[in-house]
N, C-alpha and C. Protein backbone atom coordinates (compact mmCIF):
# COMPACT_ATOMS: atom_id res chain seq x y z
N MET A 1 79.21 106.63 108.27
CA MET A 1 80.49 106.49 107.59
C MET A 1 80.37 106.98 106.15
N ALA A 2 81.30 107.80 105.73
CA ALA A 2 81.30 108.33 104.36
C ALA A 2 81.83 107.28 103.38
N ASN A 3 81.32 107.35 102.18
CA ASN A 3 81.84 106.46 101.14
C ASN A 3 83.29 106.82 100.86
N PRO A 4 84.12 105.83 100.52
CA PRO A 4 85.52 106.15 100.19
C PRO A 4 85.59 106.94 98.89
N LYS A 5 86.63 107.75 98.78
CA LYS A 5 86.88 108.50 97.55
C LYS A 5 87.65 107.61 96.57
N PRO A 6 87.45 107.85 95.27
CA PRO A 6 88.31 107.14 94.31
C PRO A 6 89.78 107.44 94.62
N ARG A 7 90.63 106.48 94.33
CA ARG A 7 92.06 106.61 94.63
C ARG A 7 92.87 107.03 93.39
N ALA A 8 92.19 107.16 92.26
CA ALA A 8 92.85 107.57 91.02
C ALA A 8 91.85 108.28 90.14
N CYS A 9 92.37 109.00 89.17
CA CYS A 9 91.54 109.73 88.20
C CYS A 9 92.36 109.83 86.91
N LYS A 10 92.47 108.70 86.21
CA LYS A 10 93.34 108.64 85.04
C LYS A 10 92.57 108.89 83.74
N THR A 11 93.18 109.70 82.89
CA THR A 11 92.67 109.91 81.54
C THR A 11 93.32 108.87 80.63
N LEU A 12 92.90 108.83 79.38
CA LEU A 12 93.54 107.92 78.43
C LEU A 12 95.04 108.17 78.34
N HIS A 13 95.44 109.42 78.45
CA HIS A 13 96.86 109.77 78.37
C HIS A 13 97.67 109.15 79.53
N ASP A 14 97.02 108.94 80.67
CA ASP A 14 97.69 108.40 81.86
C ASP A 14 97.78 106.88 81.88
N ILE A 15 97.03 106.23 81.01
CA ILE A 15 96.97 104.76 80.99
C ILE A 15 97.93 104.23 79.94
N HIS A 16 98.71 103.23 80.32
CA HIS A 16 99.68 102.62 79.41
C HIS A 16 99.44 101.12 79.35
N VAL A 17 99.65 100.54 78.16
CA VAL A 17 99.54 99.10 78.02
C VAL A 17 100.42 98.44 79.07
N GLY A 18 99.85 97.48 79.77
CA GLY A 18 100.57 96.78 80.83
C GLY A 18 100.26 97.29 82.22
N ASP A 19 99.67 98.49 82.35
CA ASP A 19 99.27 98.96 83.68
C ASP A 19 98.32 97.94 84.30
N GLU A 20 98.51 97.68 85.58
CA GLU A 20 97.75 96.62 86.26
C GLU A 20 97.28 97.08 87.62
N PHE A 21 96.15 96.51 88.04
CA PHE A 21 95.69 96.69 89.41
C PHE A 21 95.21 95.34 89.92
N HIS A 22 95.59 95.01 91.16
CA HIS A 22 95.21 93.74 91.81
C HIS A 22 94.32 94.06 93.00
N GLN A 23 93.19 93.35 93.11
CA GLN A 23 92.29 93.54 94.25
C GLN A 23 92.01 92.18 94.91
N PRO A 24 92.64 91.93 96.07
CA PRO A 24 92.34 90.69 96.78
C PRO A 24 90.96 90.77 97.43
N TYR A 25 90.30 89.62 97.53
CA TYR A 25 88.98 89.59 98.17
C TYR A 25 88.62 88.17 98.58
N VAL A 26 87.61 88.09 99.42
CA VAL A 26 87.00 86.82 99.85
C VAL A 26 85.50 87.03 99.76
N VAL A 27 84.77 86.11 99.14
CA VAL A 27 83.32 86.20 99.10
C VAL A 27 82.78 85.55 100.37
N THR A 28 81.97 86.30 101.11
CA THR A 28 81.40 85.81 102.36
C THR A 28 79.95 85.36 102.17
N ASP A 29 79.41 84.69 103.18
CA ASP A 29 77.99 84.34 103.16
C ASP A 29 77.13 85.60 103.05
N ALA A 30 77.54 86.66 103.73
CA ALA A 30 76.79 87.92 103.66
C ALA A 30 76.79 88.48 102.24
N ASP A 31 77.93 88.37 101.54
CA ASP A 31 78.00 88.83 100.14
C ASP A 31 77.02 88.05 99.27
N VAL A 32 76.98 86.73 99.46
CA VAL A 32 76.09 85.87 98.67
C VAL A 32 74.63 86.27 98.94
N GLN A 33 74.30 86.50 100.20
CA GLN A 33 72.93 86.90 100.56
C GLN A 33 72.58 88.24 99.93
N LYS A 34 73.47 89.22 100.05
CA LYS A 34 73.21 90.55 99.47
C LYS A 34 73.04 90.47 97.96
N PHE A 35 73.92 89.70 97.30
CA PHE A 35 73.83 89.59 95.85
C PHE A 35 72.51 88.93 95.44
N ALA A 36 72.11 87.90 96.17
CA ALA A 36 70.84 87.23 95.86
C ALA A 36 69.67 88.20 96.02
N GLU A 37 69.71 89.03 97.04
CA GLU A 37 68.64 90.00 97.25
C GLU A 37 68.60 91.02 96.11
N ILE A 38 69.75 91.42 95.61
CA ILE A 38 69.81 92.38 94.50
C ILE A 38 69.39 91.72 93.19
N SER A 39 69.91 90.52 92.93
CA SER A 39 69.72 89.87 91.63
C SER A 39 68.46 89.01 91.56
N GLY A 40 67.97 88.54 92.69
CA GLY A 40 66.85 87.61 92.70
C GLY A 40 67.28 86.17 92.48
N ASP A 41 68.59 85.91 92.46
CA ASP A 41 69.12 84.56 92.22
C ASP A 41 69.36 83.84 93.55
N PHE A 42 68.39 83.01 93.93
CA PHE A 42 68.50 82.23 95.16
C PHE A 42 68.70 80.75 94.83
N ASN A 43 69.44 80.47 93.77
CA ASN A 43 69.75 79.10 93.36
C ASN A 43 70.30 78.34 94.56
N PRO A 44 69.80 77.12 94.82
CA PRO A 44 70.30 76.36 95.97
C PRO A 44 71.79 76.02 95.90
N ALA A 45 72.41 76.14 94.72
CA ALA A 45 73.86 75.92 94.63
C ALA A 45 74.61 76.97 95.46
N HIS A 46 73.95 78.09 95.73
CA HIS A 46 74.56 79.16 96.51
C HIS A 46 74.16 79.11 97.99
N PHE A 47 73.07 78.41 98.33
CA PHE A 47 72.51 78.50 99.68
C PHE A 47 72.32 77.19 100.42
N ASN A 48 72.11 76.10 99.72
CA ASN A 48 71.73 74.85 100.36
C ASN A 48 72.89 73.86 100.34
N ASN A 49 73.47 73.59 101.51
CA ASN A 49 74.63 72.70 101.60
C ASN A 49 74.32 71.30 101.07
N GLU A 50 73.17 70.76 101.43
CA GLU A 50 72.81 69.40 101.01
C GLU A 50 72.67 69.32 99.49
N TYR A 51 71.96 70.26 98.92
CA TYR A 51 71.79 70.31 97.47
C TYR A 51 73.15 70.49 96.79
N ALA A 52 73.90 71.48 97.25
CA ALA A 52 75.18 71.82 96.60
C ALA A 52 76.18 70.68 96.67
N ALA A 53 76.13 69.89 97.72
CA ALA A 53 77.05 68.74 97.86
C ALA A 53 76.84 67.72 96.74
N LYS A 54 75.67 67.69 96.16
CA LYS A 54 75.35 66.73 95.10
C LYS A 54 75.64 67.26 93.70
N THR A 55 76.10 68.51 93.62
CA THR A 55 76.41 69.09 92.31
C THR A 55 77.84 68.75 91.91
N VAL A 56 78.20 69.11 90.71
CA VAL A 56 79.56 68.91 90.20
C VAL A 56 80.58 69.66 91.06
N PHE A 57 80.13 70.70 91.78
CA PHE A 57 81.04 71.51 92.59
C PHE A 57 81.27 70.94 93.97
N LYS A 58 80.45 69.97 94.39
CA LYS A 58 80.60 69.27 95.68
C LYS A 58 80.45 70.19 96.89
N GLY A 59 79.84 71.33 96.70
CA GLY A 59 79.61 72.26 97.81
C GLY A 59 79.09 73.58 97.29
N ARG A 60 78.69 74.43 98.20
CA ARG A 60 78.15 75.73 97.84
C ARG A 60 79.19 76.57 97.11
N ILE A 61 78.72 77.35 96.17
CA ILE A 61 79.59 78.26 95.42
C ILE A 61 78.98 79.66 95.44
N ALA A 62 79.83 80.65 95.23
CA ALA A 62 79.37 82.04 95.14
C ALA A 62 78.81 82.30 93.74
N HIS A 63 77.94 83.27 93.64
CA HIS A 63 77.49 83.74 92.32
C HIS A 63 78.72 84.23 91.56
N GLY A 64 78.89 83.81 90.32
CA GLY A 64 80.04 84.24 89.53
C GLY A 64 80.07 85.74 89.31
N MET A 65 78.90 86.35 89.25
CA MET A 65 78.85 87.79 88.99
C MET A 65 79.35 88.63 90.16
N ILE A 66 79.44 88.05 91.35
CA ILE A 66 80.06 88.78 92.46
C ILE A 66 81.51 89.06 92.11
N SER A 67 82.19 88.08 91.55
CA SER A 67 83.59 88.28 91.16
C SER A 67 83.71 89.26 90.00
N VAL A 68 82.79 89.20 89.05
CA VAL A 68 82.82 90.16 87.95
C VAL A 68 82.64 91.57 88.51
N ALA A 69 81.78 91.71 89.51
CA ALA A 69 81.52 93.03 90.10
C ALA A 69 82.76 93.63 90.75
N LYS A 70 83.73 92.81 91.12
CA LYS A 70 84.97 93.36 91.69
C LYS A 70 85.66 94.30 90.71
N PHE A 71 85.46 94.07 89.42
CA PHE A 71 86.06 94.94 88.41
C PHE A 71 85.39 96.32 88.40
N SER A 72 84.14 96.38 88.79
CA SER A 72 83.49 97.69 88.91
C SER A 72 84.22 98.54 89.94
N GLY A 73 84.61 97.94 91.04
CA GLY A 73 85.39 98.65 92.05
C GLY A 73 86.75 99.07 91.55
N ILE A 74 87.42 98.17 90.85
CA ILE A 74 88.74 98.50 90.29
C ILE A 74 88.61 99.66 89.30
N PHE A 75 87.68 99.53 88.36
CA PHE A 75 87.56 100.54 87.30
C PHE A 75 87.09 101.88 87.85
N GLY A 76 86.19 101.88 88.80
CA GLY A 76 85.64 103.13 89.31
C GLY A 76 86.48 103.81 90.38
N MET A 77 87.39 103.05 90.99
CA MET A 77 88.15 103.60 92.12
C MET A 77 89.66 103.69 91.86
N ASP A 78 90.21 102.78 91.05
CA ASP A 78 91.67 102.66 90.95
C ASP A 78 92.25 102.73 89.54
N LEU A 79 91.68 102.05 88.60
CA LEU A 79 92.24 102.01 87.25
C LEU A 79 91.12 101.86 86.24
N PRO A 80 90.67 102.96 85.64
CA PRO A 80 91.17 104.32 85.63
C PRO A 80 90.79 105.14 86.86
N GLY A 81 89.67 104.84 87.52
CA GLY A 81 89.26 105.60 88.69
C GLY A 81 88.15 106.58 88.39
N LEU A 82 88.14 107.68 89.15
CA LEU A 82 87.08 108.68 89.08
C LEU A 82 86.71 109.04 87.65
N GLY A 83 85.43 109.00 87.37
CA GLY A 83 84.92 109.43 86.07
C GLY A 83 84.90 108.35 85.00
N ALA A 84 85.46 107.19 85.27
CA ALA A 84 85.50 106.12 84.26
C ALA A 84 84.10 105.55 84.06
N ILE A 85 83.78 105.24 82.81
CA ILE A 85 82.53 104.59 82.46
C ILE A 85 82.87 103.24 81.84
N TRP A 86 82.24 102.20 82.38
CA TRP A 86 82.46 100.82 81.93
C TRP A 86 81.50 100.57 80.78
N GLY A 87 82.03 100.43 79.57
CA GLY A 87 81.18 100.32 78.39
C GLY A 87 80.82 98.92 77.96
N ALA A 88 81.67 97.95 78.25
CA ALA A 88 81.41 96.57 77.83
C ALA A 88 82.26 95.63 78.65
N GLN A 89 81.81 94.38 78.73
CA GLN A 89 82.57 93.36 79.45
C GLN A 89 82.24 92.00 78.86
N SER A 90 83.26 91.24 78.54
CA SER A 90 83.07 89.82 78.22
C SER A 90 83.58 89.04 79.42
N VAL A 91 83.04 87.86 79.63
CA VAL A 91 83.50 87.04 80.75
C VAL A 91 83.29 85.57 80.41
N LYS A 92 84.24 84.78 80.84
CA LYS A 92 84.14 83.33 80.72
C LYS A 92 84.44 82.77 82.11
N PHE A 93 83.51 81.99 82.65
CA PHE A 93 83.68 81.37 83.96
C PHE A 93 84.42 80.04 83.77
N LEU A 94 85.57 79.92 84.42
CA LEU A 94 86.43 78.76 84.22
C LEU A 94 86.35 77.75 85.37
N ALA A 95 86.06 78.23 86.56
CA ALA A 95 85.99 77.38 87.75
C ALA A 95 85.12 78.10 88.78
N PRO A 96 84.56 77.35 89.73
CA PRO A 96 83.70 78.00 90.73
C PRO A 96 84.49 78.84 91.72
N VAL A 97 83.82 79.84 92.25
CA VAL A 97 84.37 80.65 93.33
C VAL A 97 83.77 80.10 94.62
N LYS A 98 84.63 79.66 95.52
CA LYS A 98 84.20 79.08 96.78
C LYS A 98 84.00 80.17 97.83
N ILE A 99 82.99 80.03 98.60
CA ILE A 99 82.70 80.97 99.67
C ILE A 99 83.78 80.82 100.75
N GLY A 100 84.35 81.95 101.16
CA GLY A 100 85.35 81.95 102.22
C GLY A 100 86.79 81.74 101.77
N ALA A 101 87.00 81.52 100.48
CA ALA A 101 88.36 81.29 99.96
C ALA A 101 88.94 82.60 99.42
N PRO A 102 90.26 82.77 99.46
CA PRO A 102 90.87 84.00 98.94
C PRO A 102 91.01 83.99 97.42
N TYR A 103 90.74 85.15 96.84
CA TYR A 103 90.86 85.35 95.39
C TYR A 103 91.51 86.71 95.14
N LYS A 104 91.90 86.92 93.87
CA LYS A 104 92.47 88.20 93.48
C LYS A 104 91.92 88.54 92.10
N ALA A 105 91.26 89.72 92.00
CA ALA A 105 90.79 90.24 90.72
C ALA A 105 91.92 91.11 90.15
N ILE A 106 92.22 90.90 88.86
CA ILE A 106 93.33 91.61 88.22
C ILE A 106 92.84 92.23 86.91
N ALA A 107 93.12 93.51 86.74
CA ALA A 107 92.83 94.21 85.49
C ALA A 107 94.15 94.72 84.93
N ARG A 108 94.38 94.46 83.65
CA ARG A 108 95.62 94.91 82.99
C ARG A 108 95.26 95.60 81.68
N ALA A 109 95.78 96.80 81.48
CA ALA A 109 95.53 97.54 80.24
C ALA A 109 96.13 96.77 79.06
N LYS A 110 95.28 96.47 78.09
CA LYS A 110 95.69 95.71 76.91
C LYS A 110 95.85 96.61 75.69
N GLU A 111 94.97 97.62 75.60
CA GLU A 111 94.99 98.52 74.43
C GLU A 111 94.49 99.88 74.88
N VAL A 112 95.13 100.92 74.41
CA VAL A 112 94.67 102.28 74.66
C VAL A 112 94.43 102.92 73.30
N ALA A 113 93.16 103.23 73.04
CA ALA A 113 92.77 103.81 71.76
C ALA A 113 92.45 105.30 71.95
N GLU A 114 91.89 105.90 70.93
CA GLU A 114 91.63 107.34 70.98
C GLU A 114 90.56 107.72 72.01
N LYS A 115 89.55 106.85 72.18
CA LYS A 115 88.44 107.20 73.07
C LYS A 115 88.18 106.19 74.18
N TYR A 116 88.89 105.09 74.17
CA TYR A 116 88.64 104.04 75.16
C TYR A 116 89.91 103.25 75.42
N ALA A 117 89.84 102.45 76.48
CA ALA A 117 90.92 101.51 76.79
C ALA A 117 90.30 100.13 77.00
N ILE A 118 91.00 99.11 76.57
CA ILE A 118 90.55 97.73 76.79
C ILE A 118 91.45 97.10 77.85
N PHE A 119 90.81 96.48 78.83
CA PHE A 119 91.51 95.83 79.93
C PHE A 119 91.26 94.34 79.90
N GLU A 120 92.34 93.56 80.01
CA GLU A 120 92.20 92.14 80.29
C GLU A 120 91.76 92.04 81.75
N CYS A 121 90.84 91.16 82.04
CA CYS A 121 90.33 91.00 83.40
C CYS A 121 90.35 89.51 83.74
N TRP A 122 90.85 89.19 84.92
CA TRP A 122 90.77 87.81 85.36
C TRP A 122 90.78 87.75 86.88
N VAL A 123 90.33 86.61 87.38
CA VAL A 123 90.35 86.34 88.81
C VAL A 123 91.15 85.06 89.01
N GLU A 124 92.06 85.13 89.98
CA GLU A 124 92.90 83.97 90.34
C GLU A 124 92.56 83.49 91.74
N ASP A 125 92.68 82.18 91.94
CA ASP A 125 92.56 81.64 93.30
C ASP A 125 93.93 81.74 93.99
N ALA A 126 94.04 81.21 95.19
CA ALA A 126 95.27 81.33 95.98
C ALA A 126 96.46 80.67 95.31
N GLU A 127 96.22 79.68 94.44
CA GLU A 127 97.30 78.98 93.74
C GLU A 127 97.63 79.63 92.39
N GLY A 128 96.95 80.71 92.04
CA GLY A 128 97.20 81.39 90.77
C GLY A 128 96.39 80.84 89.61
N LYS A 129 95.46 79.92 89.88
CA LYS A 129 94.61 79.35 88.83
C LYS A 129 93.48 80.34 88.52
N ARG A 130 93.28 80.59 87.23
CA ARG A 130 92.21 81.51 86.83
C ARG A 130 90.84 80.83 86.99
N VAL A 131 89.94 81.56 87.62
CA VAL A 131 88.57 81.07 87.78
C VAL A 131 87.60 81.80 86.85
N LEU A 132 88.01 82.96 86.34
CA LEU A 132 87.25 83.64 85.30
C LEU A 132 88.20 84.57 84.56
N GLU A 133 87.82 84.90 83.32
CA GLU A 133 88.62 85.83 82.53
C GLU A 133 87.72 86.50 81.51
N GLY A 134 88.17 87.65 81.03
CA GLY A 134 87.43 88.38 80.03
C GLY A 134 88.13 89.68 79.68
N GLU A 135 87.39 90.57 79.02
CA GLU A 135 87.90 91.88 78.66
C GLU A 135 86.85 92.93 78.94
N GLY A 136 87.33 94.08 79.43
CA GLY A 136 86.44 95.21 79.69
C GLY A 136 86.84 96.40 78.85
N THR A 137 85.85 97.12 78.36
CA THR A 137 86.09 98.36 77.63
C THR A 137 85.73 99.52 78.55
N LEU A 138 86.68 100.43 78.74
CA LEU A 138 86.50 101.56 79.65
C LEU A 138 86.67 102.87 78.91
N TYR A 139 85.85 103.83 79.32
CA TYR A 139 85.95 105.20 78.84
C TYR A 139 86.39 106.05 80.03
N PRO A 140 87.70 106.30 80.16
CA PRO A 140 88.18 107.10 81.29
C PRO A 140 87.67 108.54 81.23
N ILE A 141 87.82 109.22 82.34
CA ILE A 141 87.42 110.62 82.40
C ILE A 141 88.11 111.40 81.29
N PRO A 142 87.38 112.24 80.56
CA PRO A 142 88.03 113.06 79.53
C PRO A 142 88.97 114.08 80.17
N GLN A 143 90.06 114.38 79.49
CA GLN A 143 91.05 115.32 80.00
C GLN A 143 90.41 116.66 80.35
N LYS A 144 89.52 117.16 79.48
CA LYS A 144 88.91 118.48 79.73
C LYS A 144 88.04 118.47 80.99
N VAL A 145 87.43 117.33 81.29
CA VAL A 145 86.62 117.23 82.51
C VAL A 145 87.53 117.21 83.74
N ARG A 146 88.59 116.43 83.66
CA ARG A 146 89.53 116.39 84.78
C ARG A 146 90.19 117.75 84.99
N ASP A 147 90.56 118.41 83.91
CA ASP A 147 91.20 119.72 84.02
C ASP A 147 90.29 120.75 84.69
N ALA A 148 88.98 120.58 84.57
CA ALA A 148 88.02 121.53 85.16
C ALA A 148 87.72 121.23 86.63
N MET A 149 88.26 120.13 87.15
CA MET A 149 88.00 119.76 88.54
C MET A 149 88.85 120.56 89.52
N ASP A 150 88.37 120.66 90.73
CA ASP A 150 89.08 121.35 91.80
C ASP A 150 90.41 120.64 92.06
N PRO A 151 91.53 121.32 91.90
CA PRO A 151 92.85 120.69 92.12
C PRO A 151 93.01 120.14 93.54
N ALA A 152 92.40 120.78 94.53
CA ALA A 152 92.50 120.31 95.91
C ALA A 152 91.83 118.94 96.03
N TYR A 153 90.67 118.76 95.37
CA TYR A 153 89.99 117.47 95.42
C TYR A 153 90.84 116.40 94.72
N LEU A 154 91.35 116.72 93.54
CA LEU A 154 92.20 115.77 92.83
C LEU A 154 93.42 115.40 93.66
N GLY A 155 94.03 116.38 94.31
CA GLY A 155 95.18 116.12 95.17
C GLY A 155 94.83 115.21 96.32
N SER A 156 93.63 115.33 96.85
CA SER A 156 93.22 114.48 97.98
C SER A 156 93.06 113.02 97.56
N LEU A 157 92.83 112.78 96.26
CA LEU A 157 92.74 111.40 95.77
C LEU A 157 94.08 110.69 95.85
N MET A 158 95.12 111.42 95.63
CA MET A 158 96.46 110.83 95.57
C MET A 158 97.16 110.84 96.94
N ALA A 159 96.52 111.41 97.95
CA ALA A 159 97.14 111.51 99.28
C ALA A 159 97.10 110.20 100.02
């Protein structure tokens, strides 16, 4: 199976304050396992039901950085999309992310400057309660780089 293509390729000129992208997701046991293998974080709060039941969370929780990573997908595929470089991210964890529960990662353009854009980033649970929030600094594809790309390829992104 081929990797999916980015669905957008926005320059700073294409981004406007208030532009938003929403990405629904559910963290699975497989996601937790894969993240632990990548990060080395096998904290029993993520894996051991008996241990996790005795914590303040009263059950297993997902690694918070799995939810932060959802913004990598948004930024690299949708807003801004192809060619974007993620330069910085702040994050504050407000509530645990439960394994198997629905969430939505949301990025909203807050500021568009000469060389970068700042996005408000947050994750909501099914009731609209924020479980994390922060800001990301993005460097979208430069106009001259996008202009030099094959128009057929760019057109296929928007198809």
